[in-house]
Every structure is written in structure tokens, then in C-alpha cells.
């Protein structure tokens, strides 16, 4: 009888702990999730995470593109002078889902501590130094994965329009989308810019990796 009571109490305690953990939230900073080939955002949403805000790190990091599939941020040594403030998104993640999130991150990415531009230290996704060896450094795109996607899209469209045979109607439609994308990019509306540029990329039939996983008509939240 006593043993049964102990087992029952233990089971109730375990359920209570799990419920408490499920209610606790952890803030995590990630790079370009909302336009990251749509690979990480569903993972966060499925875990019950909610988007909090956009922010930037202190100027102590570099940002890389890993095969144009996802970004990777590395912290530089303390004496480095070429760091940039990297654009990040802050998500509120259930505490009991952090391990699941980490397991779904691409190889070479891990969760560590980062510092934001206001001096706040928090958890964030960082890359192992070995992951970025030989990768494209995209820090000069304003430290932003979405800026990189937008600027690359404009270049892709310009090159394709020059070399493609198309009707004047098609050319005018593409140039309008390209102009919209450029104006939105200059005004900092990067999600809208990528929506316009993505439409043009799909119209041109381009298979560029940066736009491969963004379906036509997708609008970033």
C-alpha cells in the first residue's frame, strides 16, 4: 500500500514538474528565422514559441552564409576590430522545448550566450568556428541574412533579364517587381522586398538556392 502511494506521488510530481516547465519561457536570439529558407520557423512555431521582436547584437560578431541554406553567426576574439552588429530575432521558447529546438538546428550550430547592442546577455544561436571555414562572409550586408537575400535577388534578376528572351509585357512585369524589391530594401522593408523579388525569381524560372525553399506567394509573418 505504501509503495503504491509513493509511486502515485512520484507520478504526480513528475507531471507537475513537466507542466511547470511547459509554462516557463526562455528567450533565444536567432539569425534570420523568418526568412531562413522556411526551415527553422516551423520548428519554433511547432514548439509553441512566439516571436517577440527584432534586435541586434553588439558589434562583436561576423555573419556567414552556409551554402546559401542558412546563416551562421560567430563571435570574434575580444581584440578583434572587424565585428558588426548582427540582426537577430528574439523568440520566446517553452523551456521544455529548447532541447528539441537544438536537435533540429543544422549541424555546427549550437546555443550559447550572446550580447545584444544594449548590453543585455541572453541565449542565442552561434556557429562553431569550423562551420564557417571557407564559407561566404556576408557581414557587410548590414549584418543581415534578409538583406543578403534581397540584394542577391536584385543581382540575380538583373543578370537574368539581360540574358533572357522575353516579351515586352514579361520584361515590364519583372522590372516592376525588381523596382519594388529595390525600393522596399532601401526603406528597410526586407520581408516585403523578398516577397516581390521571390515572385520575379519564380517568373524567371531561376533555381537559386536562396529562393528555392520560399514558395510563390509566401508572405513572411
Protein backbone atom coordinates (compact mmCIF):
# COMPACT_ATOMS: atom_id res chain seq x y z
CA UNK A 1 0.00 0.00 0.00
CA UNK A 2 2.77 2.41 0.98
CA UNK A 3 4.75 1.59 -2.17
CA UNK A 4 1.70 2.34 -4.32
CA UNK A 5 1.27 5.70 -2.65
CA UNK A 6 4.96 6.53 -3.25
CA UNK A 7 4.63 5.61 -6.94
CA UNK A 8 1.46 7.70 -7.27
CA UNK A 9 3.07 10.71 -5.58
CA UNK A 10 6.15 10.39 -7.79
CA UNK A 11 3.96 10.28 -10.91
CA UNK A 12 2.00 13.34 -9.83
CA UNK A 13 5.25 15.18 -9.02
CA UNK A 14 6.70 14.35 -12.45
CA UNK A 15 3.55 15.60 -14.17
CA UNK A 16 3.64 18.79 -12.12
CA UNK A 17 7.29 19.45 -12.97
CA UNK A 18 6.57 18.86 -16.66
CA UNK A 19 3.61 21.26 -16.52
CA UNK A 20 5.71 23.96 -14.82
CA UNK A 21 8.49 23.58 -17.39
CA UNK A 22 5.98 23.74 -20.21
CA UNK A 23 4.75 27.07 -18.88
CA UNK A 24 8.23 28.57 -18.43
CA UNK A 25 9.58 30.50 -21.39
CA UNK A 26 13.17 31.08 -22.47
CA UNK A 27 14.23 33.95 -24.73
CA UNK A 28 16.51 32.87 -27.58
CA UNK A 29 18.07 35.06 -30.29
CA UNK A 30 18.32 33.53 -33.78
CA UNK A 31 19.50 34.79 -37.17
CA UNK A 32 17.02 35.45 -39.94
CA UNK A 33 14.49 32.85 -38.89
CA UNK A 34 11.51 34.45 -40.59
CA UNK A 35 13.27 34.26 -43.95
CA UNK A 36 15.68 31.40 -43.44
CA UNK A 37 14.57 29.14 -46.23
CA UNK A 38 11.48 28.50 -44.08
CA UNK A 39 13.37 25.72 -42.32
CA UNK A 40 13.59 26.88 -38.72
CA UNK A 41 10.41 28.91 -38.31
CA UNK A 42 8.07 25.86 -38.39
CA UNK A 43 10.30 24.20 -35.79
CA UNK A 44 9.84 27.16 -33.47
CA UNK A 45 6.11 27.51 -34.09
CA UNK A 46 5.52 23.78 -33.62
CA UNK A 47 7.23 24.04 -30.24
CA UNK A 48 4.79 26.73 -29.17
CA UNK A 49 7.37 29.52 -29.49
CA UNK A 50 6.27 33.09 -30.16
CA UNK A 51 8.10 35.87 -31.97
CA UNK A 52 8.96 38.75 -29.61
CA UNK A 53 10.94 41.37 -31.55
CA UNK A 54 13.87 42.06 -33.82
CA UNK A 55 17.14 43.30 -32.36
CA UNK A 56 20.88 43.44 -32.99
CA UNK A 57 23.95 42.13 -31.25
CA UNK A 58 26.83 44.27 -30.07
CA UNK A 59 29.43 44.78 -32.86
CA UNK A 60 31.45 41.71 -31.95
CA UNK A 61 30.26 39.12 -34.47
CA UNK A 62 30.57 38.10 -38.13
CA UNK A 63 27.80 36.56 -40.23
CA UNK A 64 28.30 33.83 -42.85
CA UNK A 65 26.17 32.02 -45.40
CA UNK A 66 26.38 28.23 -45.19
CA UNK A 67 25.86 27.11 -48.80
CA UNK A 68 23.06 29.71 -49.05
CA UNK A 69 20.91 27.41 -46.92
CA UNK A 70 21.12 29.21 -43.59
CA UNK A 71 23.17 31.89 -41.82
CA UNK A 72 25.83 31.27 -39.19
CA UNK A 73 26.99 33.83 -36.63
CA UNK A 74 30.34 33.61 -34.86
CA UNK A 75 31.70 35.70 -32.02
CA UNK A 76 35.11 37.25 -32.62
CA UNK A 77 38.02 37.36 -30.16
CA UNK A 78 37.95 40.25 -27.71
CA UNK A 79 40.76 42.10 -29.50
CA UNK A 80 39.12 41.90 -32.96
CA UNK A 81 38.17 45.18 -34.64
CA UNK A 82 36.08 43.95 -37.58
CA UNK A 83 32.95 42.88 -35.75
CA UNK A 84 29.49 44.01 -36.85
CA UNK A 85 26.11 44.24 -35.11
CA UNK A 86 24.24 41.23 -36.48
CA UNK A 87 20.48 41.33 -36.98
CA UNK A 88 18.70 38.78 -34.77
CA UNK A 89 15.16 37.81 -33.90
CA UNK A 90 14.13 37.20 -30.31
CA UNK A 91 11.79 34.26 -29.78
CA UNK A 92 10.11 33.10 -26.58
CA UNK A 93 10.52 29.32 -26.44
CA UNK A 94 8.96 26.91 -23.92
CA UNK A 95 11.73 25.75 -21.59
CA UNK A 96 10.97 22.08 -22.20
CA UNK A 97 11.30 22.61 -25.95
CA UNK A 98 14.82 24.05 -26.01
CA UNK A 99 16.48 20.64 -26.38
CA UNK A 100 14.12 19.76 -29.24
CA UNK A 101 14.91 23.06 -30.95
CA UNK A 102 18.64 22.45 -30.63
CA UNK A 103 18.34 18.94 -32.04
CA UNK A 104 16.64 20.34 -35.16
CA UNK A 105 19.24 23.03 -35.78
CA UNK A 106 21.62 22.40 -38.72
CA UNK A 107 24.92 20.69 -37.78
CA UNK A 108 27.53 23.07 -36.45
CA UNK A 109 25.05 25.41 -34.76
CA UNK A 110 24.62 25.46 -31.02
CA UNK A 111 23.03 27.54 -28.29
CA UNK A 112 25.33 29.78 -26.30
CA UNK A 113 25.31 33.23 -24.73
CA UNK A 114 25.33 36.35 -26.90
CA UNK A 115 25.29 40.05 -26.07
CA UNK A 116 22.80 42.47 -27.60
CA UNK A 117 23.55 46.05 -28.59
CA UNK A 118 22.03 47.34 -25.32
CA UNK A 119 24.42 45.19 -23.29
CA UNK A 120 21.87 42.50 -22.40
CA UNK A 121 23.23 38.96 -22.33
CA UNK A 122 20.91 36.19 -23.45
CA UNK A 123 20.82 32.78 -25.11
CA UNK A 124 21.40 32.75 -28.85
CA UNK A 125 22.28 30.50 -31.77
CA UNK A 126 26.01 30.52 -32.52
CA UNK A 127 28.12 28.67 -35.06
CA UNK A 128 31.16 26.57 -34.32
CA UNK A 129 34.24 28.25 -35.90
CA UNK A 130 34.86 25.16 -38.04
CA UNK A 131 31.46 25.54 -39.69
CA UNK A 132 32.29 28.87 -41.33
CA UNK A 133 35.73 27.97 -42.71
CA UNK A 134 35.58 28.66 -46.45
CA UNK A 135 32.01 29.99 -46.23
CA UNK A 136 30.83 33.27 -47.71
CA UNK A 137 31.19 36.16 -45.26
CA UNK A 138 28.00 38.23 -45.58
CA UNK A 139 28.66 40.58 -42.66
CA UNK A 140 28.83 43.59 -44.99
CA UNK A 141 25.17 43.08 -45.95
CA UNK A 142 24.32 45.15 -42.86
CA UNK A 143 24.87 42.03 -40.74
CA UNK A 144 21.52 40.75 -42.01
CA UNK A 145 20.58 37.45 -43.63
CA UNK A 146 17.46 39.00 -45.16
CA UNK A 147 19.49 41.92 -46.58
CA UNK A 148 21.76 39.35 -48.20
CA UNK A 149 18.78 37.50 -49.70
CA UNK A 150 17.29 40.75 -51.03
CA UNK A 151 20.48 42.16 -52.53
CA UNK A 152 21.35 38.82 -54.12
CA UNK A 153 17.84 38.62 -55.57
CA UNK A 154 18.23 42.01 -57.25
CA UNK A 155 21.52 40.88 -58.81
CA UNK A 156 20.00 37.61 -59.99
CA UNK A 157 17.08 39.36 -61.65
CA UNK A 158 19.27 41.97 -63.36
CA UNK A 159 21.51 39.26 -64.82
CA UNK A 160 18.58 37.10 -65.94
CA UNK A 161 16.70 39.97 -67.59
CA UNK A 162 19.76 40.88 -69.66
CA UNK A 163 20.28 37.33 -70.90
CA UNK A 164 16.68 36.13 -71.29
CA UNK A 165 14.42 36.32 -74.33
CA UNK A 166 11.05 37.57 -73.16
CA UNK A 167 8.14 39.65 -74.38
CA UNK A 168 7.93 43.33 -73.53
CA UNK A 169 4.99 42.53 -71.22
CA UNK A 170 7.06 39.98 -69.30
CA UNK A 171 10.03 42.33 -69.15
CA UNK A 172 7.89 45.20 -67.83
CA UNK A 173 6.33 42.97 -65.14
CA UNK A 174 9.74 41.75 -63.98
CA UNK A 175 11.23 45.23 -63.93
CA UNK A 176 8.30 46.45 -61.83
CA UNK A 177 8.81 43.66 -59.29
CA UNK A 178 12.54 44.33 -59.28
CA UNK A 179 11.95 48.07 -58.68
CA UNK A 180 9.50 47.29 -55.86
CA UNK A 181 12.05 44.98 -54.28
CA UNK A 182 14.83 47.55 -54.50
CA UNK A 183 12.70 50.36 -53.05
CA UNK A 184 11.46 48.18 -50.19
CA UNK A 185 15.03 47.08 -49.47
CA UNK A 186 16.27 50.67 -49.34
CA UNK A 187 13.45 51.54 -46.94
CA UNK A 188 14.26 48.60 -44.68
CA UNK A 189 11.13 46.59 -45.51
CA UNK A 190 13.10 43.44 -46.22
CA UNK A 191 10.29 40.90 -45.90
CA UNK A 192 8.18 42.76 -48.43
CA UNK A 193 11.21 43.17 -50.68
CA UNK A 194 11.88 39.45 -50.64
CA UNK A 195 8.23 38.73 -51.43
CA UNK A 196 8.43 40.89 -54.58
CA UNK A 197 11.85 39.59 -55.61
CA UNK A 198 10.80 35.99 -54.99
CA UNK A 199 7.89 36.44 -57.40
CA UNK A 200 10.30 37.71 -60.06
CA UNK A 201 12.75 34.87 -59.41
CA UNK A 202 9.96 32.31 -59.83
CA UNK A 203 8.73 34.02 -63.04
CA UNK A 204 12.23 33.74 -64.46
CA UNK A 205 12.39 30.07 -63.54
CA UNK A 206 15.58 30.56 -61.55
CA UNK A 207 16.60 27.78 -59.15
CA UNK A 208 18.87 29.81 -56.93
CA UNK A 209 19.36 28.17 -53.54
CA UNK A 210 18.45 31.30 -51.60
CA UNK A 211 14.96 31.31 -53.10
CA UNK A 212 14.48 27.58 -53.57
CA UNK A 213 12.57 26.98 -50.33
CA UNK A 214 10.42 30.11 -50.48
CA UNK A 215 7.12 29.16 -52.17
CA UNK A 216 5.40 31.57 -54.52
CA UNK A 217 3.01 33.85 -52.71
CA UNK A 218 4.64 33.32 -49.32
CA UNK A 219 4.50 36.35 -47.05
CA UNK A 220 6.74 36.32 -44.01
CA UNK A 221 4.87 36.97 -40.73
